[in-house]
Amino acid sequence: MAATTSSDSNVPRVALAGYYGAGNFGDDLAAVLFGLALGRRGVPVRVYGLCEPYARRFGFETASSPAQLLDGAGAFVWGGGGLLVSWPSLTYRLLYRSAASRLDALVREVEARAMPVLLASVGGDGRPVTRLTPAYKSRLLAAARWVSVRNPQDVDVLAASGRAAECFPDVIWGLGTEVPLSRRRAERPRIGIDLYPSNLVRQRALHLLPRLRTLVRARPECDFVFMDTTNASCTRYRGLAGIIRGPNVHRYQFRDLDADLALIGSLDVVFSSRLHVPVVAMQCGVPAVSVFGEGKSRLLFRNLGLERYCVHHEGAAGEAVFTSAGLDLDRLLQEYPFPDVARLAESSRGHVEGLLSALPR
């Protein structure tokens, strides 16, 4: 599916950016959804740093430098991501210093050109945003003329600092309206494990590793797919398959969107520390359990009424699912309270509709 780019010459081009370029599944999906929606409405788009497989798949025009992105653009749009979440200092130093430097340079160039700034489908974790770090986040928020958020709590947090925002479900809930999503069960039960050593260390959850090893050995009739949802064009595999091994253990790293979505749709359940893998899984009809996710993931599950399926501390009731007796796939599928995906998808269109109304003409 190529992006529709037939545009009115009077419509200014949009410079679309976000936490792209690192191969993060959810952020790159946001770029795809905003790029497709704007292109379909006749708005020309250039995307900053989107991973090559996704850019090629949808025929997007990309930019590799701030100047290339912003030259000739009439507005700067930040599409998706946890812009309202501050990065802890240790996490920032170990994982995100180079990304922050790259994005800081971009935002400074936007400021220097006094470009209109619009923030679409951004989110937080329910905590105040009085001092966002890295600093480029605060500067984007201060410069924005229009903001849409993905959580009701984000509206309240921004209101406390004097900012207004519109609220709609995360734009990723609309993925199924753009690309085919389906549930296709494999011959053997298939369990997706979307967990990472670095996250387990940060969440003080390394006690989960021996439980996973025991579960894998106790359930030889199941295939365990240890995933890495970071695009392989950007980094090497970082999942748990190098730590937990066995004849029924498989590793899978995201690379091609169609194959990646097919993999998610083939699972019987997915355990994930990420935010958007569960959102996509639920759209495929696959039960998702949040396991030691960050605050933004816990907020999502709370807003969906899925607290029972959110494991986030030692002794949580949900950890029973990591025992051979507790992992009842048939019961999980029968009892899992899927949200109204169709309603969420329809409502998520508000981000694009609001963005189109706010764009300068």
Protein backbone atom coordinates (compact mmCIF):
# COMPACT_ATOMS: atom_id res chain seq x y z
CA MET A 1 0.00 0.00 0.00
CA ALA A 2 1.67 3.19 -1.13
CA ALA A 3 0.90 6.52 0.47
CA THR A 4 -1.62 8.65 -1.40
CA THR A 5 0.18 11.88 -2.16
CA SER A 6 -1.98 13.70 -4.70
CA SER A 7 -2.12 17.14 -3.12
CA ASP A 8 -3.48 20.62 -3.61
CA SER A 9 -0.54 22.90 -4.42
CA ASN A 10 -2.01 25.43 -1.96
CA VAL A 11 -1.70 23.03 0.96
CA PRO A 12 1.60 23.47 2.83
CA ARG A 13 3.73 20.41 3.33
CA VAL A 14 3.84 18.87 6.80
CA ALA A 15 7.12 17.98 8.46
CA LEU A 16 6.22 14.86 10.45
CA ALA A 17 8.47 13.75 13.29
CA GLY A 18 8.39 11.76 16.49
CA TYR A 19 10.56 9.24 18.27
CA TYR A 20 11.26 7.68 14.90
CA GLY A 21 14.54 6.31 13.67
CA ALA A 22 15.12 3.91 16.55
CA GLY A 23 12.87 1.20 15.10
CA ASN A 24 10.34 1.41 17.94
CA PHE A 25 7.24 -0.46 16.80
CA GLY A 26 4.58 1.86 18.23
CA ASP A 27 6.30 5.11 17.28
CA ASP A 28 6.87 3.93 13.72
CA LEU A 29 3.24 2.81 13.45
CA ALA A 30 2.17 6.31 14.48
CA ALA A 31 4.27 7.75 11.66
CA VAL A 32 2.62 5.37 9.22
CA LEU A 33 -0.92 6.19 10.35
CA PHE A 34 -0.45 9.95 10.34
CA GLY A 35 1.42 9.84 7.04
CA LEU A 36 -1.30 7.79 5.35
CA ALA A 37 -4.16 9.86 6.77
CA LEU A 38 -2.64 13.20 5.82
CA GLY A 39 -1.64 12.00 2.37
CA ARG A 40 -5.16 10.73 1.73
CA ARG A 41 -6.48 14.21 2.55
CA GLY A 42 -4.13 15.79 0.03
CA VAL A 43 -1.56 17.04 2.54
CA PRO A 44 2.02 16.41 1.36
CA VAL A 45 4.17 14.86 4.09
CA ARG A 46 7.87 14.34 4.68
CA VAL A 47 8.86 12.08 7.60
CA TYR A 48 11.96 12.45 9.76
CA GLY A 49 14.02 9.34 10.37
CA LEU A 50 11.41 6.62 9.82
CA CYS A 51 13.01 3.18 9.53
CA GLU A 52 13.65 2.20 5.91
CA PRO A 53 11.39 -0.91 5.75
CA TYR A 54 8.32 1.07 6.81
CA ALA A 55 9.14 4.08 4.62
CA ARG A 56 9.61 1.81 1.60
CA ARG A 57 6.47 -0.23 2.35
CA PHE A 58 4.24 2.85 2.24
CA GLY A 59 6.16 4.99 -0.23
CA PHE A 60 6.84 7.83 2.20
CA GLU A 61 9.23 10.66 1.44
CA THR A 62 11.76 10.79 4.27
CA ALA A 63 14.36 13.23 5.55
CA SER A 64 17.63 12.46 7.29
CA SER A 65 18.43 15.96 8.59
CA PRO A 66 16.44 18.79 10.20
CA ALA A 67 17.05 21.08 7.24
CA GLN A 68 15.88 18.45 4.75
CA LEU A 69 12.75 17.88 6.81
CA LEU A 70 11.83 21.52 7.41
CA ASP A 71 12.77 23.23 4.13
CA GLY A 72 9.53 24.14 2.37
CA ALA A 73 7.30 22.87 5.18
CA GLY A 74 4.42 24.93 6.51
CA ALA A 75 3.94 23.11 9.81
CA PHE A 76 5.77 20.78 12.15
CA VAL A 77 3.76 17.83 13.50
CA TRP A 78 4.94 15.55 16.30
CA GLY A 79 2.99 12.35 15.80
CA GLY A 80 2.50 9.86 18.65
CA GLY A 81 4.70 8.71 21.49
CA GLY A 82 5.19 9.35 25.19
CA LEU A 83 6.11 12.99 24.84
CA LEU A 84 4.59 13.76 28.26
CA VAL A 85 6.75 11.16 30.04
CA SER A 86 10.08 12.27 31.49
CA TRP A 87 12.99 9.91 31.03
CA PRO A 88 14.72 8.94 34.31
CA SER A 89 18.31 10.17 34.38
CA LEU A 90 19.85 6.69 34.39
CA THR A 91 17.62 5.47 31.54
CA TYR A 92 18.45 8.60 29.59
CA ARG A 93 22.22 8.21 30.05
CA LEU A 94 22.28 4.50 29.19
CA LEU A 95 19.75 4.28 26.38
CA TYR A 96 18.62 7.58 24.93
CA ARG A 97 21.44 10.14 25.02
CA SER A 98 22.12 10.04 21.26
CA ALA A 99 18.42 10.09 20.39
CA ALA A 100 17.85 13.07 22.69
CA SER A 101 20.73 14.95 21.09
CA ARG A 102 19.34 14.30 17.60
CA LEU A 103 15.82 15.38 18.55
CA ASP A 104 17.08 18.41 20.47
CA ALA A 105 18.82 19.65 17.32
CA LEU A 106 15.60 19.16 15.37
CA VAL A 107 13.47 21.08 17.86
CA ARG A 108 15.99 23.93 17.99
CA GLU A 109 15.77 24.23 14.22
CA VAL A 110 11.97 24.30 14.42
CA GLU A 111 12.19 27.09 17.00
CA ALA A 112 14.67 29.05 14.93
CA ARG A 113 12.28 28.98 11.97
CA ALA A 114 9.28 29.89 14.17
CA MET A 115 7.27 27.09 12.57
CA PRO A 116 3.74 26.24 13.73
CA VAL A 117 3.97 23.20 16.05
CA LEU A 118 1.18 20.65 16.51
CA LEU A 119 1.32 17.60 18.79
CA ALA A 120 -0.93 14.66 17.91
CA SER A 121 -1.75 11.51 19.94
CA VAL A 122 0.93 12.15 22.54
CA GLY A 123 0.65 10.73 26.02
CA GLY A 124 1.95 10.55 29.55
CA ASP A 125 1.78 8.22 32.51
CA GLY A 126 -0.55 10.25 34.72
CA ARG A 127 2.21 12.15 36.50
CA PRO A 128 2.61 15.98 36.39
CA VAL A 129 4.61 17.51 33.57
CA THR A 130 6.02 20.49 35.42
CA ARG A 131 9.56 19.60 34.33
CA LEU A 132 9.85 17.28 31.36
CA THR A 133 13.18 15.73 30.49
CA PRO A 134 14.93 15.75 28.09
CA ALA A 135 14.40 19.47 27.57
CA TYR A 136 13.23 19.17 23.95
CA LYS A 137 9.95 17.74 25.28
CA SER A 138 9.24 20.85 27.34
CA ARG A 139 10.15 23.11 24.46
CA LEU A 140 7.82 21.29 22.06
CA LEU A 141 4.97 21.49 24.54
CA ALA A 142 5.57 25.20 25.11
CA ALA A 143 5.63 25.90 21.36
CA ALA A 144 2.55 23.86 20.42
CA ARG A 145 -0.48 25.70 19.11
CA TRP A 146 -2.63 22.53 19.25
CA VAL A 147 -2.34 19.30 21.23
CA SER A 148 -4.22 16.00 21.19
CA VAL A 149 -3.60 13.34 23.83
CA ARG A 150 -4.44 9.65 24.21
CA ASN A 151 -5.44 9.47 27.89
CA PRO A 152 -8.08 11.43 29.85
CA GLN A 153 -5.50 11.88 32.59
CA ASP A 154 -3.26 13.73 30.13
CA VAL A 155 -5.95 16.39 29.71
CA ASP A 156 -6.03 16.98 33.46
CA VAL A 157 -2.25 17.05 33.76
CA LEU A 158 -1.90 19.62 30.98
CA ALA A 159 -4.79 21.69 32.33
CA ALA A 160 -2.94 21.96 35.65
CA SER A 161 -0.11 23.67 33.76
CA GLY A 162 -2.44 25.91 31.79
CA ARG A 163 -2.52 23.92 28.55
CA ALA A 164 -5.65 22.77 26.75
CA ALA A 165 -5.76 19.48 24.85
CA GLU A 166 -8.23 17.33 22.98
CA CYS A 167 -8.43 13.66 23.94
CA PHE A 168 -9.05 10.60 21.79
CA PRO A 169 -7.97 6.96 22.03
CA ASP A 170 -4.41 6.30 20.89
CA VAL A 171 -4.08 6.65 17.12
CA ILE A 172 -2.69 3.07 17.02
CA TRP A 173 -6.22 1.76 17.69
CA GLY A 174 -6.93 2.70 14.06
CA LEU A 175 -4.27 0.40 12.61
CA GLY A 176 -6.83 -2.20 11.51
CA THR A 177 -8.54 0.36 9.27
CA GLU A 178 -5.32 0.82 7.28
CA VAL A 179 -3.75 -2.65 7.09
CA PRO A 180 -5.26 -6.15 7.34
CA LEU A 181 -5.29 -7.60 10.85
CA SER A 182 -6.54 -11.08 11.63
CA ARG A 183 -6.32 -13.96 14.08
CA ARG A 184 -4.78 -17.09 12.58
CA ARG A 185 -3.93 -19.65 15.22
CA ALA A 186 -0.90 -21.85 14.64
CA GLU A 187 -0.94 -25.66 14.75
CA ARG A 188 0.60 -25.65 18.23
CA PRO A 189 -0.24 -23.23 21.05
CA ARG A 190 1.95 -20.19 20.59
CA ILE A 191 2.85 -17.79 23.41
CA GLY A 192 4.46 -14.45 22.66
CA ILE A 193 6.98 -13.08 25.17
CA ASP A 194 7.73 -9.41 24.49
CA LEU A 195 10.06 -8.81 27.47
CA TYR A 196 13.61 -7.48 27.68
CA PRO A 197 16.52 -7.83 30.12
CA SER A 198 17.00 -4.06 30.36
CA ASN A 199 13.36 -3.49 31.31
CA LEU A 200 13.34 -6.29 33.87
CA VAL A 201 16.42 -4.72 35.49
CA ARG A 202 14.79 -1.25 35.58
CA GLN A 203 11.58 -2.67 37.00
CA ARG A 204 13.44 -4.85 39.55
CA ALA A 205 11.75 -7.90 38.09
CA LEU A 206 14.61 -10.29 37.40
CA HIS A 207 12.82 -12.82 39.61
CA LEU A 208 10.62 -13.44 36.57
CA LEU A 209 13.40 -15.18 34.63
CA PRO A 210 13.49 -18.48 36.58
CA ARG A 211 9.70 -18.58 36.45
CA LEU A 212 9.79 -18.27 32.68
CA ARG A 213 12.42 -21.00 32.42
CA THR A 214 10.26 -23.31 34.53
CA LEU A 215 7.18 -22.51 32.48
CA VAL A 216 8.93 -23.23 29.18
CA ARG A 217 10.13 -26.63 30.42
CA ALA A 218 6.75 -27.53 31.95
CA ARG A 219 4.81 -26.80 28.75
CA PRO A 220 6.61 -28.65 25.92
CA GLU A 221 3.38 -28.70 23.90
CA CYS A 222 3.57 -24.90 23.55
CA ASP A 223 5.87 -22.80 21.38
CA PHE A 224 7.30 -19.76 23.16
CA VAL A 225 8.19 -16.93 20.79
CA PHE A 226 10.58 -14.51 22.48
CA MET A 227 10.11 -11.34 20.48
CA ASP A 228 12.04 -8.16 19.92
CA THR A 229 9.70 -5.57 18.46
CA THR A 230 12.51 -3.15 17.61
CA ASN A 231 13.04 -3.20 13.86
CA ALA A 232 16.03 -5.29 12.82
CA SER A 233 17.15 -2.56 10.42
CA CYS A 234 18.00 -0.43 13.47
CA THR A 235 19.45 -2.79 16.06
CA ARG A 236 20.33 -6.38 16.84
CA TYR A 237 18.03 -8.76 18.72
CA ARG A 238 17.64 -7.85 22.42
CA GLY A 239 14.95 -10.26 23.63
CA LEU A 240 15.15 -13.09 26.13
CA ALA A 241 15.79 -15.99 23.74
CA GLY A 242 19.50 -15.72 24.44
CA ILE A 243 18.83 -16.29 28.14
CA ILE A 244 15.95 -18.79 28.08
CA ARG A 245 16.50 -21.73 25.76
CA GLY A 246 14.81 -24.97 24.82
CA PRO A 247 13.46 -26.93 21.83
CA ASN A 248 10.17 -25.04 22.10
CA VAL A 249 11.83 -21.61 22.34
CA HIS A 250 11.92 -19.41 19.23
CA ARG A 251 13.23 -15.93 18.64
CA TYR A 252 11.63 -13.38 16.36
CA GLN A 253 12.70 -9.83 15.62
CA PHE A 254 10.44 -7.42 13.81
CA ARG A 255 11.60 -6.43 10.34
CA ASP A 256 8.70 -6.52 7.85
CA LEU A 257 5.37 -5.01 8.95
CA ASP A 258 3.14 -7.55 7.22
CA ALA A 259 5.07 -10.51 8.61
CA ASP A 260 5.24 -8.87 12.05
CA LEU A 261 1.47 -8.34 12.18
CA ALA A 262 0.93 -11.93 11.01
CA LEU A 263 3.14 -13.13 13.86
CA ILE A 264 1.11 -11.19 16.42
CA GLY A 265 -2.11 -12.56 14.94
CA SER A 266 -0.83 -16.14 15.22
CA LEU A 267 -0.34 -15.96 19.00
CA ASP A 268 -2.66 -17.42 21.61
CA VAL A 269 -1.56 -14.80 24.14
CA VAL A 270 1.16 -12.17 24.37
CA PHE A 271 2.99 -11.04 27.51
CA SER A 272 4.47 -7.62 26.87
CA SER A 273 6.27 -4.85 28.71
CA ARG A 274 5.60 -2.48 25.81
CA LEU A 275 2.64 -0.20 25.18
CA HIS A 276 1.60 -0.82 21.60
CA VAL A 277 2.10 -4.55 21.10
CA PRO A 278 -0.91 -5.16 23.38
CA VAL A 279 -2.95 -2.57 21.46
CA VAL A 280 -2.24 -4.35 18.17
CA ALA A 281 -2.75 -7.80 19.70
CA MET A 282 -6.21 -6.87 20.99
CA GLN A 283 -7.13 -5.66 17.51
CA CYS A 284 -6.16 -9.13 16.25
CA GLY A 285 -8.28 -10.83 18.91
CA VAL A 286 -5.22 -11.95 20.88
CA PRO A 287 -5.32 -11.58 24.69
CA ALA A 288 -2.56 -9.34 25.99
CA VAL A 289 -1.05 -9.23 29.48
CA SER A 290 1.07 -6.25 30.51
CA VAL A 291 4.13 -7.48 32.40
CA PHE A 292 6.29 -5.02 34.31
CA GLY A 293 5.49 -2.28 31.83
CA GLU A 294 6.21 1.38 32.40
CA GLY A 295 3.66 3.76 33.87
CA LYS A 296 2.15 4.60 30.50
CA SER A 297 1.39 0.91 29.87
CA ARG A 298 -0.20 0.49 33.28
CA LEU A 299 -2.29 3.59 32.62
CA LEU A 300 -3.56 2.09 29.37
CA PHE A 301 -4.63 -1.15 31.04
CA ARG A 302 -6.29 0.74 33.88
CA ASN A 303 -8.25 2.91 31.46
CA LEU A 304 -9.37 -0.22 29.59
CA GLY A 305 -10.51 -1.91 32.81
CA LEU A 306 -7.82 -4.58 32.43
CA GLU A 307 -6.01 -4.12 35.76
CA ARG A 308 -6.36 -7.87 36.39
CA TYR A 309 -4.14 -8.46 33.36
CA CYS A 310 -1.42 -6.03 34.42
CA VAL A 311 1.49 -7.58 36.33
CA HIS A 312 3.67 -4.88 37.80
CA HIS A 313 5.07 -5.86 41.17
CA GLU A 314 6.31 -8.84 43.13
CA GLY A 315 3.43 -10.89 44.47
CA ALA A 316 0.86 -9.51 42.02
CA ALA A 317 -2.02 -11.90 41.50
CA GLY A 318 -1.40 -11.93 37.76
CA GLU A 319 1.99 -13.57 38.21
CA ALA A 320 0.19 -16.89 38.66
CA VAL A 321 -0.15 -16.97 34.89
CA PHE A 322 3.60 -17.69 34.73
CA THR A 323 3.11 -21.10 36.29
CA SER A 324 2.23 -24.24 34.36
CA ALA A 325 -1.01 -24.59 36.28
CA GLY A 326 -1.90 -20.91 35.88
CA LEU A 327 -1.41 -20.71 32.11
CA ASP A 328 -4.80 -21.91 30.85
CA LEU A 329 -4.92 -20.67 27.26
CA ASP A 330 -8.47 -21.75 26.50
CA ARG A 331 -9.81 -20.13 29.65
CA LEU A 332 -7.79 -16.98 29.05
CA LEU A 333 -9.24 -16.58 25.58
CA GLN A 334 -12.79 -17.28 26.79
CA GLU A 335 -12.64 -14.91 29.74
CA TYR A 336 -10.48 -12.11 28.41
CA PRO A 337 -12.58 -8.90 28.41
CA PHE A 338 -11.55 -7.43 25.07
CA PRO A 339 -12.31 -3.71 24.75
CA ASP A 340 -14.63 -2.40 22.06
CA VAL A 341 -11.95 -2.21 19.38
CA ALA A 342 -14.30 -0.86 16.69
CA ARG A 343 -15.36 2.04 18.92
CA LEU A 344 -11.77 2.81 19.87
CA ALA A 345 -10.72 2.79 16.22
CA GLU A 346 -13.52 5.15 15.23
CA SER A 347 -12.83 7.53 18.09
CA SER A 348 -9.09 7.52 17.43
CA ARG A 349 -9.77 9.30 14.13
CA GLY A 350 -10.25 12.46 16.18
CA HIS A 351 -6.49 12.97 16.26
CA VAL A 352 -6.33 13.28 12.48
CA GLU A 353 -9.53 15.31 12.18
CA GLY A 354 -8.34 17.75 14.82
CA LEU A 355 -4.90 17.97 13.25
CA LEU A 356 -6.36 18.76 9.85
CA SER A 357 -8.47 21.54 11.35
CA ALA A 358 -5.48 23.01 13.16
CA LEU A 359 -3.05 22.97 10.22
CA PRO A 360 -2.30 26.43 8.80
CA ARG A 361 -3.62 27.07 5.32
